[in-house]
Amino acid sequence: MMTKHEIQALIDGATGTDQYYPIGIIPRYVATDGVIAVVHAAECHWLLDAILSHQTNPKLDPRFQVWKLSAFGSGMVLIGSNDTVPVITQKITYTDFPLAELKLYLIDNVILLPNEY
């Protein structure tokens, strides 16, 4: 696993994508170069699975979602929201994710970093 500074540098440097990568067992969802780089660097493939596991929830807008992985007590909380009011929360009881927070967008079946928007 890369250090938190190296992972933050990957996030900060992601400004677009050259390729989309299919994720999960539902082939219509894809991720950008930046998301795949961060997921590999932080060894957190489970994060994409967690986001996809909520996609059948009718509370979520399939066109635009903001997902935040935030430090919370001894674990992490994954929050799906419109960036102001959480719609879904999922407590992650253990992770060694190195950053205090990570924000991802899911827009029209594409998971991307905010800098890639």
N, C-alpha and C. Protein backbone atom coordinates (compact mmCIF):
# COMPACT_ATOMS: atom_id res chain seq x y z
N MET A 1 0.85 -1.18 0.00
CA MET A 1 0.00 0.00 0.00
C MET A 1 0.89 1.24 0.00
N MET A 2 0.48 2.23 -0.78
CA MET A 2 1.21 3.50 -0.82
C MET A 2 0.92 4.30 0.46
N THR A 3 1.75 5.27 0.72
CA THR A 3 1.52 6.14 1.88
C THR A 3 0.35 7.08 1.61
N LYS A 4 -0.16 7.69 2.68
CA LYS A 4 -1.27 8.61 2.49
C LYS A 4 -0.88 9.81 1.65
N HIS A 5 0.37 10.23 1.71
CA HIS A 5 0.83 11.37 0.91
C HIS A 5 0.89 10.99 -0.58
N GLU A 6 1.32 9.78 -0.87
CA GLU A 6 1.37 9.32 -2.26
C GLU A 6 -0.04 9.17 -2.83
N ILE A 7 -0.95 8.65 -2.02
CA ILE A 7 -2.34 8.49 -2.46
C ILE A 7 -2.99 9.85 -2.67
N GLN A 8 -2.72 10.79 -1.77
CA GLN A 8 -3.28 12.14 -1.94
C GLN A 8 -2.73 12.78 -3.21
N ALA A 9 -1.47 12.53 -3.52
CA ALA A 9 -0.88 13.06 -4.76
C ALA A 9 -1.57 12.47 -5.99
N LEU A 10 -1.93 11.18 -5.94
CA LEU A 10 -2.69 10.56 -7.04
C LEU A 10 -4.03 11.26 -7.21
N ILE A 11 -4.71 11.50 -6.10
CA ILE A 11 -6.02 12.15 -6.14
C ILE A 11 -5.89 13.56 -6.72
N ASP A 12 -4.92 14.31 -6.21
CA ASP A 12 -4.72 15.69 -6.66
C ASP A 12 -4.34 15.78 -8.13
N GLY A 13 -3.65 14.75 -8.63
CA GLY A 13 -3.18 14.77 -10.01
C GLY A 13 -4.18 14.22 -11.03
N ALA A 14 -5.28 13.69 -10.56
CA ALA A 14 -6.27 13.11 -11.47
C ALA A 14 -7.13 14.23 -12.05
N THR A 15 -7.01 14.46 -13.34
CA THR A 15 -7.76 15.56 -13.96
C THR A 15 -8.59 15.10 -15.15
N GLY A 16 -8.64 13.85 -15.40
CA GLY A 16 -9.41 13.31 -16.51
C GLY A 16 -9.12 11.84 -16.64
N THR A 17 -9.67 11.22 -17.65
CA THR A 17 -9.42 9.79 -17.83
C THR A 17 -9.21 9.48 -19.29
N ASP A 18 -8.38 8.51 -19.56
CA ASP A 18 -8.16 8.02 -20.92
C ASP A 18 -8.96 6.77 -21.20
N GLN A 19 -9.38 6.09 -20.12
CA GLN A 19 -10.05 4.81 -20.27
C GLN A 19 -11.05 4.62 -19.13
N TYR A 20 -12.09 3.85 -19.40
CA TYR A 20 -13.06 3.47 -18.38
C TYR A 20 -12.91 1.99 -18.10
N TYR A 21 -12.97 1.61 -16.83
CA TYR A 21 -12.76 0.23 -16.42
C TYR A 21 -14.05 -0.34 -15.85
N PRO A 22 -14.53 -1.46 -16.39
CA PRO A 22 -15.74 -2.08 -15.83
C PRO A 22 -15.47 -2.51 -14.39
N ILE A 23 -16.47 -2.31 -13.54
CA ILE A 23 -16.33 -2.71 -12.14
C ILE A 23 -17.55 -3.51 -11.71
N GLY A 24 -17.35 -4.36 -10.75
CA GLY A 24 -18.45 -5.14 -10.20
C GLY A 24 -18.98 -6.16 -11.18
N ILE A 25 -20.05 -6.80 -10.77
CA ILE A 25 -20.64 -7.83 -11.62
C ILE A 25 -21.70 -7.25 -12.55
N ILE A 26 -22.00 -5.97 -12.38
CA ILE A 26 -22.96 -5.30 -13.25
C ILE A 26 -22.15 -4.51 -14.27
N PRO A 27 -22.08 -4.98 -15.51
CA PRO A 27 -21.14 -4.38 -16.47
C PRO A 27 -21.42 -2.94 -16.86
N ARG A 28 -22.57 -2.39 -16.50
CA ARG A 28 -22.84 -1.01 -16.91
C ARG A 28 -22.09 0.01 -16.06
N TYR A 29 -21.53 -0.38 -14.93
CA TYR A 29 -20.78 0.56 -14.08
C TYR A 29 -19.30 0.51 -14.44
N VAL A 30 -18.70 1.71 -14.53
CA VAL A 30 -17.29 1.82 -14.86
C VAL A 30 -16.62 2.83 -13.92
N ALA A 31 -15.30 2.77 -13.87
CA ALA A 31 -14.52 3.71 -13.06
C ALA A 31 -13.44 4.33 -13.94
N THR A 32 -13.00 5.50 -13.55
CA THR A 32 -11.99 6.25 -14.29
C THR A 32 -10.58 5.81 -13.91
N ASP A 33 -9.60 6.32 -14.66
CA ASP A 33 -8.20 6.05 -14.37
C ASP A 33 -7.84 6.43 -12.93
N GLY A 34 -8.29 7.61 -12.50
CA GLY A 34 -7.96 8.09 -11.16
C GLY A 34 -8.53 7.22 -10.06
N VAL A 35 -9.77 6.82 -10.21
CA VAL A 35 -10.40 5.95 -9.20
C VAL A 35 -9.67 4.62 -9.13
N ILE A 36 -9.38 4.03 -10.27
CA ILE A 36 -8.69 2.74 -10.28
C ILE A 36 -7.30 2.88 -9.66
N ALA A 37 -6.59 3.97 -9.95
CA ALA A 37 -5.26 4.18 -9.36
C ALA A 37 -5.34 4.28 -7.84
N VAL A 38 -6.32 5.02 -7.33
CA VAL A 38 -6.47 5.18 -5.88
C VAL A 38 -6.87 3.85 -5.23
N VAL A 39 -7.79 3.14 -5.85
CA VAL A 39 -8.25 1.86 -5.30
C VAL A 39 -7.09 0.86 -5.22
N HIS A 40 -6.28 0.83 -6.26
CA HIS A 40 -5.11 -0.07 -6.23
C HIS A 40 -4.08 0.39 -5.21
N ALA A 41 -3.80 1.69 -5.18
CA ALA A 41 -2.78 2.22 -4.27
C ALA A 41 -3.16 2.04 -2.81
N ALA A 42 -4.44 2.20 -2.49
CA ALA A 42 -4.90 2.09 -1.10
C ALA A 42 -5.43 0.69 -0.77
N GLU A 43 -5.40 -0.19 -1.78
CA GLU A 43 -5.89 -1.56 -1.61
C GLU A 43 -7.30 -1.57 -1.03
N CYS A 44 -8.18 -0.80 -1.65
CA CYS A 44 -9.56 -0.69 -1.15
C CYS A 44 -10.58 -1.01 -2.24
N HIS A 45 -10.41 -2.13 -2.90
CA HIS A 45 -11.36 -2.56 -3.93
C HIS A 45 -12.76 -2.72 -3.35
N TRP A 46 -12.83 -3.02 -2.08
CA TRP A 46 -14.11 -3.19 -1.38
C TRP A 46 -14.95 -1.92 -1.44
N LEU A 47 -14.31 -0.77 -1.58
CA LEU A 47 -15.04 0.49 -1.59
C LEU A 47 -15.98 0.58 -2.79
N LEU A 48 -15.51 0.16 -3.95
CA LEU A 48 -16.36 0.19 -5.14
C LEU A 48 -17.51 -0.80 -4.98
N ASP A 49 -17.22 -1.96 -4.41
CA ASP A 49 -18.28 -2.94 -4.15
C ASP A 49 -19.33 -2.37 -3.20
N ALA A 50 -18.88 -1.65 -2.18
CA ALA A 50 -19.83 -1.05 -1.22
C ALA A 50 -20.73 -0.04 -1.91
N ILE A 51 -20.18 0.79 -2.77
CA ILE A 51 -20.98 1.77 -3.49
C ILE A 51 -21.98 1.08 -4.41
N LEU A 52 -21.52 0.09 -5.14
CA LEU A 52 -22.41 -0.62 -6.06
C LEU A 52 -23.51 -1.38 -5.33
N SER A 53 -23.22 -1.83 -4.13
CA SER A 53 -24.22 -2.61 -3.39
C SER A 53 -25.46 -1.79 -3.04
N HIS A 54 -25.37 -0.48 -3.10
CA HIS A 54 -26.50 0.39 -2.76
C HIS A 54 -27.28 0.88 -3.98
N GLN A 55 -26.88 0.49 -5.17
CA GLN A 55 -27.46 1.08 -6.37
C GLN A 55 -28.91 0.69 -6.64
N THR A 56 -29.41 -0.32 -5.97
CA THR A 56 -30.84 -0.66 -6.14
C THR A 56 -31.73 0.11 -5.17
N ASN A 57 -31.13 0.92 -4.31
CA ASN A 57 -31.91 1.69 -3.34
C ASN A 57 -32.65 2.83 -4.05
N PRO A 58 -33.97 2.87 -3.96
CA PRO A 58 -34.73 3.90 -4.67
C PRO A 58 -34.50 5.32 -4.15
N LYS A 59 -33.86 5.46 -2.98
CA LYS A 59 -33.57 6.80 -2.45
C LYS A 59 -32.46 7.50 -3.23
N LEU A 60 -31.66 6.73 -3.96
CA LEU A 60 -30.52 7.31 -4.68
C LEU A 60 -30.91 7.78 -6.07
N ASP A 61 -30.38 8.92 -6.46
CA ASP A 61 -30.56 9.43 -7.81
C ASP A 61 -29.52 8.74 -8.69
N PRO A 62 -29.94 7.94 -9.66
CA PRO A 62 -28.95 7.21 -10.47
C PRO A 62 -28.11 8.12 -11.37
N ARG A 63 -28.53 9.37 -11.55
CA ARG A 63 -27.80 10.27 -12.44
C ARG A 63 -26.63 10.96 -11.77
N PHE A 64 -26.73 11.24 -10.45
CA PHE A 64 -25.65 11.95 -9.76
C PHE A 64 -25.65 11.59 -8.28
N GLN A 65 -24.53 11.06 -7.81
CA GLN A 65 -24.37 10.71 -6.40
C GLN A 65 -23.00 11.17 -5.93
N VAL A 66 -22.94 11.55 -4.67
CA VAL A 66 -21.67 11.87 -4.02
C VAL A 66 -21.48 10.83 -2.92
N TRP A 67 -20.34 10.17 -2.92
CA TRP A 67 -20.03 9.17 -1.91
C TRP A 67 -18.81 9.63 -1.13
N LYS A 68 -18.90 9.59 0.19
CA LYS A 68 -17.78 9.99 1.04
C LYS A 68 -17.42 8.84 1.96
N LEU A 69 -16.15 8.54 1.98
CA LEU A 69 -15.61 7.60 2.95
C LEU A 69 -14.93 8.46 4.00
N SER A 70 -15.46 8.46 5.23
CA SER A 70 -14.96 9.37 6.27
C SER A 70 -14.60 8.59 7.52
N ALA A 71 -13.53 9.03 8.18
CA ALA A 71 -13.15 8.43 9.45
C ALA A 71 -14.25 8.68 10.47
N PHE A 72 -14.56 7.65 11.23
CA PHE A 72 -15.64 7.76 12.21
C PHE A 72 -15.33 6.79 13.34
N GLY A 73 -14.87 7.31 14.46
CA GLY A 73 -14.55 6.43 15.59
C GLY A 73 -13.46 5.45 15.21
N SER A 74 -13.72 4.18 15.42
CA SER A 74 -12.72 3.16 15.13
C SER A 74 -12.84 2.63 13.71
N GLY A 75 -13.82 3.10 12.95
CA GLY A 75 -14.00 2.62 11.59
C GLY A 75 -14.24 3.75 10.64
N MET A 76 -14.94 3.47 9.58
CA MET A 76 -15.22 4.45 8.56
C MET A 76 -16.72 4.42 8.26
N VAL A 77 -17.23 5.50 7.72
CA VAL A 77 -18.63 5.56 7.31
C VAL A 77 -18.67 5.92 5.83
N LEU A 78 -19.41 5.14 5.09
CA LEU A 78 -19.63 5.42 3.68
C LEU A 78 -20.98 6.11 3.58
N ILE A 79 -20.99 7.31 3.02
CA ILE A 79 -22.22 8.11 2.98
C ILE A 79 -22.54 8.46 1.54
N GLY A 80 -23.72 8.10 1.10
CA GLY A 80 -24.20 8.51 -0.21
C GLY A 80 -25.11 9.71 -0.03
N SER A 81 -24.85 10.78 -0.74
CA SER A 81 -25.63 11.99 -0.52
C SER A 81 -25.67 12.85 -1.76
N ASN A 82 -26.40 13.93 -1.64
CA ASN A 82 -26.39 14.96 -2.68
C ASN A 82 -25.36 16.02 -2.32
N ASP A 83 -24.42 15.69 -1.49
CA ASP A 83 -23.32 16.53 -1.00
C ASP A 83 -23.73 17.46 0.13
N THR A 84 -24.98 17.39 0.57
CA THR A 84 -25.38 18.19 1.72
C THR A 84 -26.12 17.35 2.75
N VAL A 85 -27.01 16.48 2.30
CA VAL A 85 -27.81 15.67 3.22
C VAL A 85 -27.57 14.19 2.92
N PRO A 86 -27.02 13.42 3.86
CA PRO A 86 -26.80 11.99 3.61
C PRO A 86 -28.12 11.26 3.34
N VAL A 87 -28.09 10.39 2.36
CA VAL A 87 -29.24 9.58 2.02
C VAL A 87 -29.05 8.17 2.57
N ILE A 88 -27.83 7.68 2.51
CA ILE A 88 -27.49 6.33 2.96
C ILE A 88 -26.21 6.41 3.78
N THR A 89 -26.15 5.67 4.86
CA THR A 89 -24.88 5.52 5.58
C THR A 89 -24.63 4.04 5.79
N GLN A 90 -23.39 3.67 5.73
CA GLN A 90 -22.98 2.29 6.00
C GLN A 90 -21.73 2.36 6.85
N LYS A 91 -21.79 1.82 8.03
CA LYS A 91 -20.62 1.82 8.91
C LYS A 91 -19.66 0.72 8.48
N ILE A 92 -18.43 1.09 8.31
CA ILE A 92 -17.35 0.16 8.00
C ILE A 92 -16.57 -0.02 9.30
N THR A 93 -16.68 -1.17 9.92
CA THR A 93 -16.10 -1.33 11.26
C THR A 93 -14.58 -1.42 11.26
N TYR A 94 -14.00 -1.89 10.18
CA TYR A 94 -12.54 -1.92 10.14
C TYR A 94 -12.06 -1.67 8.73
N THR A 95 -11.08 -0.81 8.61
CA THR A 95 -10.36 -0.61 7.37
C THR A 95 -9.01 0.02 7.69
N ASP A 96 -8.04 -0.25 6.86
CA ASP A 96 -6.74 0.41 7.01
C ASP A 96 -6.58 1.50 5.96
N PHE A 97 -7.70 2.02 5.47
CA PHE A 97 -7.65 3.10 4.48
C PHE A 97 -6.86 4.26 5.09
N PRO A 98 -5.84 4.74 4.39
CA PRO A 98 -4.91 5.70 5.00
C PRO A 98 -5.36 7.15 5.11
N LEU A 99 -6.38 7.57 4.36
CA LEU A 99 -6.82 8.96 4.38
C LEU A 99 -8.00 9.14 5.34
N ALA A 100 -8.15 10.33 5.87
CA ALA A 100 -9.28 10.62 6.75
C ALA A 100 -10.58 10.70 5.98
N GLU A 101 -10.50 11.05 4.69
CA GLU A 101 -11.72 11.16 3.88
C GLU A 101 -11.39 10.98 2.41
N LEU A 102 -12.33 10.40 1.69
CA LEU A 102 -12.25 10.30 0.25
C LEU A 102 -13.63 10.57 -0.31
N LYS A 103 -13.71 11.42 -1.31
CA LYS A 103 -14.98 11.72 -1.96
C LYS A 103 -14.94 11.19 -3.39
N LEU A 104 -16.00 10.50 -3.77
CA LEU A 104 -16.16 10.01 -5.13
C LEU A 104 -17.52 10.43 -5.65
N TYR A 105 -17.61 10.63 -6.95
CA TYR A 105 -18.89 10.89 -7.60
C TYR A 105 -19.28 9.65 -8.39
N LEU A 106 -20.57 9.41 -8.46
CA LEU A 106 -21.11 8.42 -9.38
C LEU A 106 -22.09 9.18 -10.27
N ILE A 107 -21.70 9.36 -11.52
CA ILE A 107 -22.49 10.14 -12.46
C ILE A 107 -22.79 9.28 -13.68
N ASP A 108 -24.07 9.03 -13.92
CA ASP A 108 -24.48 8.23 -15.08
C ASP A 108 -23.64 6.95 -15.22
N ASN A 109 -23.54 6.20 -14.13
CA ASN A 109 -22.87 4.90 -14.08
C ASN A 109 -21.34 4.97 -14.13
N VAL A 110 -20.76 6.15 -13.98
CA VAL A 110 -19.31 6.31 -13.97
C VAL A 110 -18.88 6.78 -12.59
N ILE A 111 -17.97 6.04 -11.95
CA ILE A 111 -17.41 6.48 -10.66
C ILE A 111 -16.12 7.23 -10.96
N LEU A 112 -16.04 8.47 -10.44
CA LEU A 112 -14.89 9.31 -10.70
C LEU A 112 -14.53 10.15 -9.49
N LEU A 113 -13.31 10.65 -9.50
CA LEU A 113 -12.84 11.57 -8.48
C LEU A 113 -13.37 12.97 -8.81
N PRO A 114 -13.58 13.81 -7.80
CA PRO A 114 -14.07 15.16 -8.07
C PRO A 114 -13.22 15.94 -9.08
N ASN A 115 -11.89 15.76 -9.05
CA ASN A 115 -11.02 16.45 -10.00
C ASN A 115 -11.24 15.99 -11.43
N GLU A 116 -11.82 14.81 -11.61
CA GLU A 116 -12.05 14.28 -12.95
C GLU A 116 -13.40 14.71 -13.53
N TYR A 117 -14.17 15.44 -12.75
CA TYR A 117 -15.50 15.87 -13.18
C TYR A 117 -15.42 17.00 -14.17
